[in-house]
Amino acid sequence: MLASFTDRAPCKSKVRRPPSAAALAEAERLRGQATGSTAERVVIDLSTYAAVADRLRTAPTPEEETSE
């Protein structure tokens, strides 16, 4: 394990740069495509998830397991 250590300088970290004008223009173009799409009208109903989560909070009793 000690053989993997070195006295070399550490790797340079990635320089964080703000997005370029081209990147910002592309982001705006992509946002413009989503306007009026069905993705803006999606409604997530968590009632099914909540019902399953309620059932999973407790382990089934032996009577419940045999009745299934």
C-alpha atoms as a PDB file:
ATOM      1  CA  MET A   1       0.000   0.000   0.000  1.00  0.00           C
ATOM      2  CA  LEU A   2       2.786   2.406   0.827  1.00  0.00           C
ATOM      3  CA  ALA A   3       4.214   1.933  -2.667  1.00  0.00           C
ATOM      4  CA  SER A   4       1.211   3.782  -4.099  1.00  0.00           C
ATOM      5  CA  PHE A   5       2.144   7.010  -2.288  1.00  0.00           C
ATOM      6  CA  THR A   6       4.266   9.570  -4.083  1.00  0.00           C
ATOM      7  CA  ASP A   7       5.978  12.867  -3.375  1.00  0.00           C
ATOM      8  CA  ARG A   8       4.776  14.387  -6.668  1.00  0.00           C
ATOM      9  CA  ALA A   9       2.634  17.498  -6.629  1.00  0.00           C
ATOM     10  CA  PRO A  10      -1.107  16.838  -6.407  1.00  0.00           C
ATOM     11  CA  CYS A  11      -3.202  16.901  -9.560  1.00  0.00           C
ATOM     12  CA  LYS A  12      -4.562  20.261 -10.589  1.00  0.00           C
ATOM     13  CA  SER A  13      -8.197  20.704  -9.697  1.00  0.00           C
ATOM     14  CA  LYS A  14     -10.736  21.649 -12.326  1.00  0.00           C
ATOM     15  CA  VAL A  15     -11.131  25.374 -12.799  1.00  0.00           C
ATOM     16  CA  ARG A  16     -14.712  26.534 -12.364  1.00  0.00           C
ATOM     17  CA  ARG A  17     -15.651  28.896 -15.147  1.00  0.00           C
ATOM     18  CA  PRO A  18     -18.976  30.620 -15.749  1.00  0.00           C
ATOM     19  CA  PRO A  19     -20.968  29.275 -18.701  1.00  0.00           C
ATOM     20  CA  SER A  20     -20.033  30.730 -22.050  1.00  0.00           C
ATOM     21  CA  ALA A  21     -22.389  32.858 -24.133  1.00  0.00           C
ATOM     22  CA  ALA A  22     -22.950  29.865 -26.425  1.00  0.00           C
ATOM     23  CA  ALA A  23     -23.861  27.646 -23.461  1.00  0.00           C
ATOM     24  CA  LEU A  24     -26.300  30.231 -22.108  1.00  0.00           C
ATOM     25  CA  ALA A  25     -27.895  30.614 -25.552  1.00  0.00           C
ATOM     26  CA  GLU A  26     -28.312  26.838 -25.855  1.00  0.00           C
ATOM     27  CA  ALA A  27     -29.880  26.676 -22.395  1.00  0.00           C
ATOM     28  CA  GLU A  28     -32.383  29.356 -23.371  1.00  0.00           C
ATOM     29  CA  ARG A  29     -33.158  27.503 -26.597  1.00  0.00           C
ATOM     30  CA  LEU A  30     -33.826  24.298 -24.669  1.00  0.00           C
ATOM     31  CA  ARG A  31     -36.009  26.130 -22.151  1.00  0.00           C
ATOM     32  CA  GLY A  32     -37.955  27.645 -25.031  1.00  0.00           C
ATOM     33  CA  GLN A  33     -38.737  24.204 -26.423  1.00  0.00           C
ATOM     34  CA  ALA A  34     -40.342  23.189 -23.127  1.00  0.00           C
ATOM     35  CA  THR A  35     -42.767  26.130 -23.153  1.00  0.00           C
ATOM     36  CA  GLY A  36     -46.286  24.839 -23.508  1.00  0.00           C
ATOM     37  CA  SER A  37     -45.188  21.235 -23.252  1.00  0.00           C
ATOM     38  CA  THR A  38     -47.013  18.649 -21.200  1.00  0.00           C
ATOM     39  CA  ALA A  39     -44.062  18.596 -18.786  1.00  0.00           C
ATOM     40  CA  GLU A  40     -45.211  21.923 -17.361  1.00  0.00           C
ATOM     41  CA  ARG A  41     -48.616  20.452 -16.516  1.00  0.00           C
ATOM     42  CA  VAL A  42     -47.456  17.229 -14.836  1.00  0.00           C
ATOM     43  CA  VAL A  43     -49.061  16.639 -11.474  1.00  0.00           C
ATOM     44  CA  ILE A  44     -47.570  13.986  -9.254  1.00  0.00           C
ATOM     45  CA  ASP A  45     -50.059  12.218  -7.015  1.00  0.00           C
ATOM     46  CA  LEU A  46     -48.272  10.721  -4.026  1.00  0.00           C
ATOM     47  CA  SER A  47     -51.354   9.016  -2.580  1.00  0.00           C
ATOM     48  CA  THR A  48     -50.333   5.610  -3.976  1.00  0.00           C
ATOM     49  CA  TYR A  49     -46.848   6.012  -2.559  1.00  0.00           C
ATOM     50  CA  ALA A  50     -48.269   7.047   0.820  1.00  0.00           C
ATOM     51  CA  ALA A  51     -50.571   4.009   0.898  1.00  0.00           C
ATOM     52  CA  VAL A  52     -47.694   1.619   0.168  1.00  0.00           C
ATOM     53  CA  ALA A  53     -45.454   3.363   2.686  1.00  0.00           C
ATOM     54  CA  ASP A  54     -48.151   3.014   5.356  1.00  0.00           C
ATOM     55  CA  ARG A  55     -48.430  -0.718   4.674  1.00  0.00           C
ATOM     56  CA  LEU A  56     -44.653  -1.155   4.849  1.00  0.00           C
ATOM     57  CA  ARG A  57     -44.241   0.600   8.193  1.00  0.00           C
ATOM     58  CA  THR A  58     -45.041  -2.608  10.042  1.00  0.00           C
ATOM     59  CA  ALA A  59     -44.205  -6.221   9.270  1.00  0.00           C
ATOM     60  CA  PRO A  60     -47.226  -8.385   8.462  1.00  0.00           C
ATOM     61  CA  THR A  61     -48.453 -10.678  11.201  1.00  0.00           C
ATOM     62  CA  PRO A  62     -48.348 -14.438  10.573  1.00  0.00           C
ATOM     63  CA  GLU A  63     -52.140 -14.377  10.129  1.00  0.00           C
ATOM     64  CA  GLU A  64     -51.855 -11.738   7.398  1.00  0.00           C
ATOM     65  CA  GLU A  65     -49.148 -13.719   5.605  1.00  0.00           C
ATOM     66  CA  THR A  66     -51.214 -16.920   5.494  1.00  0.00           C
ATOM     67  CA  SER A  67     -54.372 -15.141   4.303  1.00  0.00           C
ATOM     68  CA  GLU A  68     -52.662 -13.885   1.133  1.00  0.00           C
END
